[in-house]
Amino acid sequence: MPTMTGNTVNIGGQTNNYFFIDWSGTDYPAENKTGISWAAYFHFTLADSQLDNGNADLNGSRWDVPGRVYNYSGNFTTRNILLSSGSFDVYHNSEGQATLSVSGGVVPIGTGGSFGSGSWPLTTYNVAAGKRWTGSAWTDCTTNKRWNGSAWVDLTIKKRWSGSAWVDLG
């Protein structure tokens, strides 16, 4: 499972405390999309703190809380605190390609915050098979045809190269 990890912060003399987002993808090539499941956490190492101003952006805002996201509990064990989670779909372009961009963070009281970002290419669909996504289905790319936005149509050749200029065909 890929992870975006924020910078570490010092809480009560303990330095290995940080925000992170785990995510995983499920491929749906017949629909030209990847299903993304994600979860945002804060990792405490022998520390505890209230956490404020949390956000997670995965190809768009998924979680944004401008106030308190976790209350101080007095628990000084090493642990991961789940802050938010969800799922959504990333649609690929007409060549079957997509990227997931992930960023986010949270501010433990008395620190500058733990923030991070990263970007990952998702599985590319059908490029080697000579297919193109038309918006609702994969279709074969054929020579002498072009996509007009809703269907493959025949190309009509109206000019030819004479060696020095384009010439109209009769």
N, C-alpha and C. Protein backbone atom coordinates (compact mmCIF):
# COMPACT_ATOMS: atom_id res chain seq x y z
N MET A 1 0.85 -1.17 0.00
CA MET A 1 0.00 0.00 0.00
C MET A 1 0.89 1.24 0.00
N PRO A 2 0.80 2.10 -1.00
CA PRO A 2 1.61 3.33 -1.02
C PRO A 2 1.23 4.25 0.14
N THR A 3 2.21 5.01 0.60
CA THR A 3 2.01 5.93 1.72
C THR A 3 2.64 7.28 1.42
N MET A 4 1.88 8.35 1.69
CA MET A 4 2.42 9.71 1.68
C MET A 4 2.68 10.05 3.14
N THR A 5 3.93 10.40 3.47
CA THR A 5 4.31 10.67 4.85
C THR A 5 4.74 12.12 5.00
N GLY A 6 4.22 12.78 6.03
CA GLY A 6 4.61 14.15 6.33
C GLY A 6 5.90 14.21 7.12
N ASN A 7 6.37 15.42 7.32
CA ASN A 7 7.59 15.63 8.10
C ASN A 7 7.35 15.26 9.57
N THR A 8 8.42 14.88 10.27
CA THR A 8 8.29 14.53 11.69
C THR A 8 8.30 15.80 12.53
N VAL A 9 7.61 15.73 13.68
CA VAL A 9 7.56 16.86 14.60
C VAL A 9 7.89 16.38 16.01
N ASN A 10 8.42 17.30 16.82
CA ASN A 10 8.79 17.03 18.20
C ASN A 10 7.60 17.32 19.10
N ILE A 11 7.15 16.30 19.83
CA ILE A 11 6.07 16.47 20.81
C ILE A 11 6.60 15.96 22.14
N GLY A 12 6.75 16.86 23.11
CA GLY A 12 7.22 16.49 24.44
C GLY A 12 8.58 15.82 24.45
N GLY A 13 9.45 16.22 23.53
CA GLY A 13 10.79 15.64 23.46
C GLY A 13 10.89 14.40 22.58
N GLN A 14 9.76 13.91 22.11
CA GLN A 14 9.76 12.76 21.20
C GLN A 14 9.67 13.27 19.75
N THR A 15 10.59 12.80 18.90
CA THR A 15 10.71 13.40 17.57
C THR A 15 10.06 12.62 16.43
N ASN A 16 9.71 11.37 16.61
CA ASN A 16 9.20 10.57 15.49
C ASN A 16 7.67 10.56 15.47
N ASN A 17 7.06 11.75 15.32
CA ASN A 17 5.61 11.91 15.26
C ASN A 17 5.28 12.54 13.92
N TYR A 18 4.30 11.98 13.20
CA TYR A 18 4.06 12.48 11.85
C TYR A 18 2.66 12.10 11.35
N PHE A 19 2.19 12.88 10.38
CA PHE A 19 0.94 12.64 9.66
C PHE A 19 1.26 11.75 8.46
N PHE A 20 0.33 10.85 8.10
CA PHE A 20 0.52 10.07 6.88
C PHE A 20 -0.83 9.66 6.29
N ILE A 21 -0.81 9.38 5.00
CA ILE A 21 -1.99 8.89 4.27
C ILE A 21 -1.61 7.60 3.57
N ASP A 22 -2.31 6.52 3.89
CA ASP A 22 -2.19 5.25 3.16
C ASP A 22 -3.28 5.22 2.11
N TRP A 23 -2.97 4.65 0.95
CA TRP A 23 -4.00 4.48 -0.08
C TRP A 23 -3.75 3.22 -0.88
N SER A 24 -4.81 2.71 -1.46
CA SER A 24 -4.69 1.55 -2.36
C SER A 24 -5.65 1.76 -3.52
N GLY A 25 -5.32 1.12 -4.64
CA GLY A 25 -6.15 1.25 -5.83
C GLY A 25 -6.64 -0.09 -6.33
N THR A 26 -7.87 -0.09 -6.85
CA THR A 26 -8.44 -1.27 -7.50
C THR A 26 -8.69 -0.91 -8.95
N ASP A 27 -8.12 -1.70 -9.86
CA ASP A 27 -8.24 -1.42 -11.29
C ASP A 27 -9.60 -1.84 -11.84
N TYR A 28 -10.20 -0.94 -12.64
CA TYR A 28 -11.43 -1.21 -13.37
C TYR A 28 -11.21 -0.82 -14.83
N PRO A 29 -10.41 -1.62 -15.57
CA PRO A 29 -10.08 -1.22 -16.94
C PRO A 29 -11.28 -1.15 -17.87
N ALA A 30 -12.30 -1.96 -17.67
CA ALA A 30 -13.48 -1.91 -18.54
C ALA A 30 -14.21 -0.59 -18.39
N GLU A 31 -14.01 0.10 -17.26
CA GLU A 31 -14.66 1.39 -17.03
C GLU A 31 -13.67 2.54 -17.08
N ASN A 32 -12.41 2.26 -17.41
CA ASN A 32 -11.35 3.25 -17.53
C ASN A 32 -11.19 4.06 -16.24
N LYS A 33 -11.19 3.37 -15.10
CA LYS A 33 -11.04 4.07 -13.83
C LYS A 33 -10.30 3.19 -12.84
N THR A 34 -9.81 3.85 -11.78
CA THR A 34 -9.21 3.16 -10.64
C THR A 34 -9.98 3.58 -9.40
N GLY A 35 -10.42 2.62 -8.62
CA GLY A 35 -11.08 2.91 -7.35
C GLY A 35 -10.01 3.10 -6.28
N ILE A 36 -10.04 4.23 -5.60
CA ILE A 36 -9.06 4.56 -4.57
C ILE A 36 -9.70 4.49 -3.19
N SER A 37 -9.08 3.76 -2.28
CA SER A 37 -9.45 3.77 -0.87
C SER A 37 -8.30 4.41 -0.12
N TRP A 38 -8.61 5.30 0.83
CA TRP A 38 -7.55 6.02 1.53
C TRP A 38 -7.90 6.18 3.01
N ALA A 39 -6.86 6.41 3.80
CA ALA A 39 -7.02 6.69 5.22
C ALA A 39 -5.90 7.63 5.68
N ALA A 40 -6.29 8.67 6.44
CA ALA A 40 -5.34 9.63 6.99
C ALA A 40 -5.14 9.34 8.47
N TYR A 41 -3.88 9.32 8.90
CA TYR A 41 -3.53 8.97 10.27
C TYR A 41 -2.53 9.98 10.84
N PHE A 42 -2.42 9.95 12.16
CA PHE A 42 -1.28 10.60 12.81
C PHE A 42 -0.58 9.53 13.63
N HIS A 43 0.74 9.47 13.48
CA HIS A 43 1.57 8.50 14.21
C HIS A 43 2.20 9.20 15.41
N PHE A 44 1.86 8.70 16.61
CA PHE A 44 2.47 9.18 17.85
C PHE A 44 3.53 8.17 18.29
N THR A 45 4.71 8.67 18.68
CA THR A 45 5.76 7.85 19.28
C THR A 45 5.95 8.30 20.71
N LEU A 46 5.39 7.53 21.66
CA LEU A 46 5.52 7.82 23.09
C LEU A 46 5.12 9.26 23.41
N ALA A 47 4.09 9.76 22.72
CA ALA A 47 3.66 11.14 22.89
C ALA A 47 2.15 11.25 22.71
N ASP A 48 1.61 12.42 23.03
CA ASP A 48 0.20 12.72 22.81
C ASP A 48 0.05 14.23 22.67
N SER A 49 -0.91 14.66 21.89
CA SER A 49 -1.14 16.08 21.67
C SER A 49 -2.50 16.26 21.03
N GLN A 50 -3.11 17.41 21.23
CA GLN A 50 -4.30 17.72 20.43
C GLN A 50 -3.81 17.99 19.01
N LEU A 51 -4.67 17.67 18.04
CA LEU A 51 -4.34 17.88 16.63
C LEU A 51 -5.38 18.82 16.03
N ASP A 52 -4.92 19.82 15.30
CA ASP A 52 -5.80 20.81 14.69
C ASP A 52 -5.56 20.90 13.19
N ASN A 53 -6.56 21.47 12.52
CA ASN A 53 -6.46 21.87 11.10
C ASN A 53 -6.01 20.75 10.18
N GLY A 54 -6.76 19.66 10.15
CA GLY A 54 -6.41 18.52 9.32
C GLY A 54 -6.95 18.63 7.92
N ASN A 55 -6.18 18.14 6.97
CA ASN A 55 -6.66 18.08 5.59
C ASN A 55 -5.99 16.95 4.83
N ALA A 56 -6.74 16.42 3.87
CA ALA A 56 -6.23 15.39 2.96
C ALA A 56 -6.75 15.71 1.57
N ASP A 57 -5.84 15.82 0.64
CA ASP A 57 -6.18 16.12 -0.75
C ASP A 57 -5.66 14.98 -1.60
N LEU A 58 -6.56 14.25 -2.23
CA LEU A 58 -6.19 13.17 -3.13
C LEU A 58 -6.92 13.45 -4.44
N ASN A 59 -6.22 14.04 -5.41
CA ASN A 59 -6.84 14.49 -6.66
C ASN A 59 -8.08 15.33 -6.36
N GLY A 60 -7.98 16.18 -5.37
CA GLY A 60 -9.09 17.02 -4.91
C GLY A 60 -9.27 16.85 -3.42
N SER A 61 -9.92 17.82 -2.80
CA SER A 61 -10.10 17.80 -1.35
C SER A 61 -11.02 16.65 -0.93
N ARG A 62 -10.56 15.84 0.01
CA ARG A 62 -11.34 14.71 0.55
C ARG A 62 -11.69 14.92 2.01
N TRP A 63 -10.89 15.71 2.72
CA TRP A 63 -11.11 15.96 4.14
C TRP A 63 -10.46 17.29 4.48
N ASP A 64 -11.21 18.19 5.12
CA ASP A 64 -10.68 19.50 5.48
C ASP A 64 -11.41 19.98 6.73
N VAL A 65 -10.72 20.00 7.86
CA VAL A 65 -11.31 20.43 9.12
C VAL A 65 -10.45 21.58 9.66
N PRO A 66 -11.00 22.80 9.69
CA PRO A 66 -10.22 23.95 10.15
C PRO A 66 -10.06 24.04 11.67
N GLY A 67 -10.63 23.14 12.43
CA GLY A 67 -10.52 23.17 13.89
C GLY A 67 -9.90 21.90 14.43
N ARG A 68 -10.34 21.51 15.61
CA ARG A 68 -9.81 20.34 16.31
C ARG A 68 -10.19 19.06 15.59
N VAL A 69 -9.21 18.17 15.39
CA VAL A 69 -9.48 16.86 14.78
C VAL A 69 -9.20 15.72 15.75
N TYR A 70 -8.47 16.01 16.84
CA TYR A 70 -8.18 14.99 17.85
C TYR A 70 -7.89 15.71 19.17
N ASN A 71 -8.47 15.23 20.24
CA ASN A 71 -8.25 15.80 21.57
C ASN A 71 -7.13 15.07 22.30
N TYR A 72 -6.36 15.82 23.07
CA TYR A 72 -5.34 15.25 23.95
C TYR A 72 -6.01 14.23 24.86
N SER A 73 -5.38 13.04 24.99
CA SER A 73 -5.98 11.99 25.82
C SER A 73 -5.07 11.51 26.95
N GLY A 74 -3.82 11.93 26.97
CA GLY A 74 -2.88 11.46 27.99
C GLY A 74 -2.35 10.07 27.73
N ASN A 75 -2.52 9.57 26.52
CA ASN A 75 -2.03 8.24 26.13
C ASN A 75 -0.64 8.42 25.50
N PHE A 76 0.39 7.84 26.15
CA PHE A 76 1.76 8.02 25.66
C PHE A 76 2.34 6.76 25.04
N THR A 77 1.46 5.89 24.50
CA THR A 77 1.94 4.71 23.80
C THR A 77 2.25 5.08 22.35
N THR A 78 3.02 4.26 21.69
CA THR A 78 3.27 4.44 20.26
C THR A 78 2.07 3.86 19.51
N ARG A 79 1.45 4.69 18.64
CA ARG A 79 0.21 4.27 17.99
C ARG A 79 -0.08 5.15 16.79
N ASN A 80 -1.00 4.64 15.94
CA ASN A 80 -1.53 5.40 14.82
C ASN A 80 -2.98 5.75 15.14
N ILE A 81 -3.33 7.02 14.99
CA ILE A 81 -4.69 7.50 15.23
C ILE A 81 -5.35 7.74 13.88
N LEU A 82 -6.45 7.03 13.59
CA LEU A 82 -7.19 7.25 12.35
C LEU A 82 -7.93 8.59 12.45
N LEU A 83 -7.70 9.47 11.49
CA LEU A 83 -8.33 10.78 11.48
C LEU A 83 -9.49 10.86 10.49
N SER A 84 -9.34 10.24 9.33
CA SER A 84 -10.38 10.25 8.31
C SER A 84 -10.07 9.19 7.27
N SER A 85 -11.10 8.75 6.54
CA SER A 85 -10.90 7.78 5.47
C SER A 85 -12.04 7.91 4.47
N GLY A 86 -11.84 7.31 3.32
CA GLY A 86 -12.89 7.35 2.30
C GLY A 86 -12.47 6.60 1.06
N SER A 87 -13.30 6.73 0.04
CA SER A 87 -13.00 6.12 -1.26
C SER A 87 -13.60 6.97 -2.36
N PHE A 88 -13.03 6.87 -3.54
CA PHE A 88 -13.48 7.63 -4.71
C PHE A 88 -12.87 7.00 -5.95
N ASP A 89 -13.30 7.43 -7.12
CA ASP A 89 -12.78 6.92 -8.39
C ASP A 89 -11.92 7.96 -9.08
N VAL A 90 -10.84 7.50 -9.68
CA VAL A 90 -10.00 8.33 -10.55
C VAL A 90 -10.23 7.83 -11.97
N TYR A 91 -10.74 8.71 -12.83
CA TYR A 91 -10.97 8.34 -14.23
C TYR A 91 -9.72 8.63 -15.04
N HIS A 92 -9.39 7.70 -15.92
CA HIS A 92 -8.19 7.81 -16.75
C HIS A 92 -8.51 8.59 -18.02
N ASN A 93 -7.46 9.11 -18.67
CA ASN A 93 -7.67 9.85 -19.91
C ASN A 93 -7.94 8.89 -21.07
N SER A 94 -8.10 9.43 -22.26
CA SER A 94 -8.47 8.62 -23.43
C SER A 94 -7.38 7.62 -23.82
N GLU A 95 -6.17 7.80 -23.31
CA GLU A 95 -5.10 6.85 -23.58
C GLU A 95 -4.90 5.89 -22.41
N GLY A 96 -5.84 5.91 -21.45
CA GLY A 96 -5.80 4.97 -20.34
C GLY A 96 -4.86 5.34 -19.21
N GLN A 97 -4.39 6.58 -19.16
CA GLN A 97 -3.41 6.99 -18.16
C GLN A 97 -4.04 7.87 -17.10
N ALA A 98 -3.53 7.79 -15.87
CA ALA A 98 -3.98 8.64 -14.77
C ALA A 98 -2.88 8.71 -13.71
N THR A 99 -2.93 9.76 -12.92
CA THR A 99 -1.99 9.98 -11.82
C THR A 99 -2.78 10.30 -10.56
N LEU A 100 -2.30 9.83 -9.44
CA LEU A 100 -2.89 10.18 -8.15
C LEU A 100 -1.92 11.11 -7.43
N SER A 101 -2.40 12.33 -7.11
CA SER A 101 -1.62 13.29 -6.34
C SER A 101 -2.20 13.35 -4.94
N VAL A 102 -1.33 13.22 -3.93
CA VAL A 102 -1.76 13.15 -2.53
C VAL A 102 -1.00 14.19 -1.72
N SER A 103 -1.72 14.95 -0.91
CA SER A 103 -1.08 15.89 0.02
C SER A 103 -1.98 16.05 1.23
N GLY A 104 -1.41 16.55 2.30
CA GLY A 104 -2.21 16.79 3.49
C GLY A 104 -1.35 17.00 4.70
N GLY A 105 -2.03 17.20 5.83
CA GLY A 105 -1.31 17.39 7.07
C GLY A 105 -2.22 17.73 8.21
N VAL A 106 -1.59 17.96 9.36
CA VAL A 106 -2.30 18.30 10.59
C VAL A 106 -1.30 19.05 11.48
N VAL A 107 -1.83 19.83 12.42
CA VAL A 107 -0.96 20.62 13.30
C VAL A 107 -1.11 20.17 14.75
N PRO A 108 -0.13 19.42 15.28
CA PRO A 108 -0.12 19.14 16.72
C PRO A 108 0.18 20.45 17.46
N ILE A 109 -0.48 20.68 18.58
CA ILE A 109 -0.31 21.94 19.30
C ILE A 109 1.17 22.16 19.64
N GLY A 110 1.62 23.41 19.46
CA GLY A 110 3.00 23.76 19.78
C GLY A 110 4.01 23.38 18.73
N THR A 111 3.56 22.92 17.55
CA THR A 111 4.49 22.58 16.46
C THR A 111 4.08 23.37 15.22
N GLY A 112 4.92 23.34 14.22
CA GLY A 112 4.60 23.97 12.94
C GLY A 112 3.74 23.09 12.06
N GLY A 113 3.49 21.87 12.50
CA GLY A 113 2.65 20.96 11.74
C GLY A 113 3.45 19.90 11.00
N SER A 114 2.75 18.85 10.64
CA SER A 114 3.33 17.76 9.86
C SER A 114 2.56 17.70 8.54
N PHE A 115 3.26 17.96 7.44
CA PHE A 115 2.65 18.03 6.11
C PHE A 115 3.49 17.26 5.10
N GLY A 116 2.85 16.73 4.08
CA GLY A 116 3.58 16.03 3.04
C GLY A 116 2.81 16.00 1.74
N SER A 117 3.48 15.52 0.70
CA SER A 117 2.82 15.37 -0.61
C SER A 117 3.58 14.35 -1.43
N GLY A 118 2.89 13.80 -2.42
CA GLY A 118 3.49 12.84 -3.34
C GLY A 118 2.58 12.61 -4.52
N SER A 119 3.10 11.97 -5.54
CA SER A 119 2.33 11.70 -6.75
C SER A 119 2.72 10.34 -7.29
N TRP A 120 1.73 9.56 -7.73
CA TRP A 120 1.96 8.21 -8.22
C TRP A 120 1.22 7.99 -9.54
N PRO A 121 1.87 7.39 -10.56
CA PRO A 121 1.13 6.99 -11.76
C PRO A 121 0.28 5.76 -11.44
N LEU A 122 -0.92 5.73 -11.95
CA LEU A 122 -1.80 4.57 -11.79
C LEU A 122 -1.62 3.64 -12.98
N THR A 123 -2.15 2.45 -12.91
CA THR A 123 -2.05 1.48 -13.99
C THR A 123 -2.54 2.09 -15.30
N THR A 124 -1.78 1.89 -16.38
CA THR A 124 -2.21 2.36 -17.70
C THR A 124 -2.98 1.24 -18.38
N TYR A 125 -4.14 1.58 -18.93
CA TYR A 125 -5.01 0.59 -19.56
C TYR A 125 -4.91 0.60 -21.08
N ASN A 126 -4.79 -0.55 -21.68
CA ASN A 126 -4.98 -0.81 -23.10
C ASN A 126 -4.13 -0.03 -24.10
N VAL A 127 -3.10 0.67 -23.68
CA VAL A 127 -2.31 1.43 -24.64
C VAL A 127 -1.63 0.50 -25.63
N ALA A 128 -1.01 -0.57 -25.13
CA ALA A 128 -0.31 -1.50 -26.00
C ALA A 128 -1.26 -2.26 -26.91
N ALA A 129 -2.51 -2.37 -26.53
CA ALA A 129 -3.49 -3.12 -27.32
C ALA A 129 -4.05 -2.30 -28.47
N GLY A 130 -3.61 -1.03 -28.61
CA GLY A 130 -4.09 -0.21 -29.71
C GLY A 130 -5.54 0.20 -29.54
N LYS A 131 -5.94 0.46 -28.31
CA LYS A 131 -7.32 0.87 -28.05
C LYS A 131 -7.33 2.27 -27.48
N ARG A 132 -8.49 2.91 -27.56
CA ARG A 132 -8.66 4.27 -27.06
C ARG A 132 -10.00 4.36 -26.35
N TRP A 133 -10.03 5.07 -25.22
CA TRP A 133 -11.27 5.25 -24.46
C TRP A 133 -12.10 6.33 -25.14
N THR A 134 -13.35 6.01 -25.47
CA THR A 134 -14.22 6.96 -26.18
C THR A 134 -15.18 7.68 -25.25
N GLY A 135 -15.08 7.45 -23.96
CA GLY A 135 -15.96 8.09 -23.01
C GLY A 135 -16.92 7.10 -22.39
N SER A 136 -17.16 5.99 -23.08
CA SER A 136 -18.06 4.98 -22.52
C SER A 136 -17.56 3.56 -22.77
N ALA A 137 -16.60 3.40 -23.65
CA ALA A 137 -16.09 2.06 -23.96
C ALA A 137 -14.72 2.17 -24.62
N TRP A 138 -13.95 1.07 -24.58
CA TRP A 138 -12.68 1.00 -25.30
C TRP A 138 -12.99 0.59 -26.74
N THR A 139 -12.38 1.29 -27.70
CA THR A 139 -12.57 0.93 -29.10
C THR A 139 -11.20 0.81 -29.75
N ASP A 140 -11.14 0.03 -30.82
CA ASP A 140 -9.89 -0.13 -31.55
C ASP A 140 -9.53 1.17 -32.26
N CYS A 141 -8.26 1.52 -32.17
CA CYS A 141 -7.75 2.64 -32.96
C CYS A 141 -7.42 2.08 -34.34
N THR A 142 -7.96 2.65 -35.34
CA THR A 142 -7.69 2.15 -36.68
C THR A 142 -7.10 3.27 -37.52
N THR A 143 -6.30 2.89 -38.51
CA THR A 143 -5.77 3.90 -39.41
C THR A 143 -6.89 4.37 -40.31
N ASN A 144 -6.75 5.54 -40.87
CA ASN A 144 -7.73 6.16 -41.75
C ASN A 144 -9.04 6.49 -41.02
N LYS A 145 -8.98 6.60 -39.71
CA LYS A 145 -10.15 7.01 -38.93
C LYS A 145 -9.72 8.02 -37.88
N ARG A 146 -10.66 8.85 -37.44
CA ARG A 146 -10.40 9.78 -36.35
C ARG A 146 -11.60 9.80 -35.42
N TRP A 147 -11.36 10.17 -34.17
CA TRP A 147 -12.42 10.23 -33.16
C TRP A 147 -13.02 11.63 -33.20
N ASN A 148 -14.34 11.76 -33.44
CA ASN A 148 -14.98 13.08 -33.52
C ASN A 148 -15.63 13.49 -32.21
N GLY A 149 -15.39 12.74 -31.14
CA GLY A 149 -15.97 13.06 -29.85
C GLY A 149 -17.06 12.09 -29.45
N SER A 150 -17.63 11.39 -30.43
CA SER A 150 -18.67 10.41 -30.11
C SER A 150 -18.55 9.11 -30.91
N ALA A 151 -17.77 9.13 -31.99
CA ALA A 151 -17.63 7.92 -32.81
C ALA A 151 -16.37 8.03 -33.66
N TRP A 152 -15.87 6.85 -34.13
CA TRP A 152 -14.78 6.84 -35.10
C TRP A 152 -15.38 7.10 -36.48
N VAL A 153 -14.80 8.05 -37.22
CA VAL A 153 -15.29 8.38 -38.56
C VAL A 153 -14.15 8.25 -39.55
N ASP A 154 -14.50 7.94 -40.81
CA ASP A 154 -13.48 7.81 -41.84
C ASP A 154 -12.83 9.15 -42.13
N LEU A 155 -11.51 9.10 -42.36
CA LEU A 155 -10.80 10.29 -42.79
C LEU A 155 -11.00 10.44 -44.29
N THR A 156 -11.21 11.63 -44.73
CA THR A 156 -11.31 11.90 -46.15
C THR A 156 -10.05 12.64 -46.56
N ILE A 157 -9.29 12.04 -47.46
CA ILE A 157 -8.05 12.65 -47.90
C ILE A 157 -8.37 13.61 -49.03
N LYS A 158 -8.04 14.91 -48.84
CA LYS A 158 -8.38 15.95 -49.81
C LYS A 158 -7.15 16.59 -50.44
N LYS A 159 -5.95 16.32 -49.87
CA LYS A 159 -4.73 16.91 -50.42
C LYS A 159 -3.63 15.86 -50.42
N ARG A 160 -2.63 16.11 -51.25
CA ARG A 160 -1.45 15.27 -51.26
C ARG A 160 -0.22 16.16 -51.35
N TRP A 161 0.90 15.60 -50.90
CA TRP A 161 2.15 16.35 -50.93
C TRP A 161 2.82 16.11 -52.27
N SER A 162 3.12 17.17 -52.99
CA SER A 162 3.72 17.03 -54.32
C SER A 162 5.24 16.94 -54.27
N GLY A 163 5.80 17.16 -53.12
CA GLY A 163 7.25 17.19 -52.99
C GLY A 163 7.71 18.58 -52.58
N SER A 164 6.87 19.59 -52.90
CA SER A 164 7.21 20.95 -52.49
C SER A 164 6.01 21.71 -51.93
N ALA A 165 4.81 21.18 -52.12
CA ALA A 165 3.60 21.86 -51.61
C ALA A 165 2.44 20.88 -51.54
N TRP A 166 1.40 21.22 -50.74
CA TRP A 166 0.17 20.43 -50.68
C TRP A 166 -0.69 20.79 -51.90
N VAL A 167 -1.21 19.76 -52.59
CA VAL A 167 -2.00 19.95 -53.80
C VAL A 167 -3.38 19.34 -53.59
N ASP A 168 -4.45 20.06 -53.97
CA ASP A 168 -5.81 19.53 -53.87
C ASP A 168 -5.96 18.32 -54.78
N LEU A 169 -6.68 17.31 -54.27
CA LEU A 169 -7.01 16.15 -55.09
C LEU A 169 -8.31 16.44 -55.82
N GLY A 170 -8.37 16.09 -57.08
CA GLY A 170 -9.53 16.31 -57.95
C GLY A 170 -10.81 16.04 -57.37
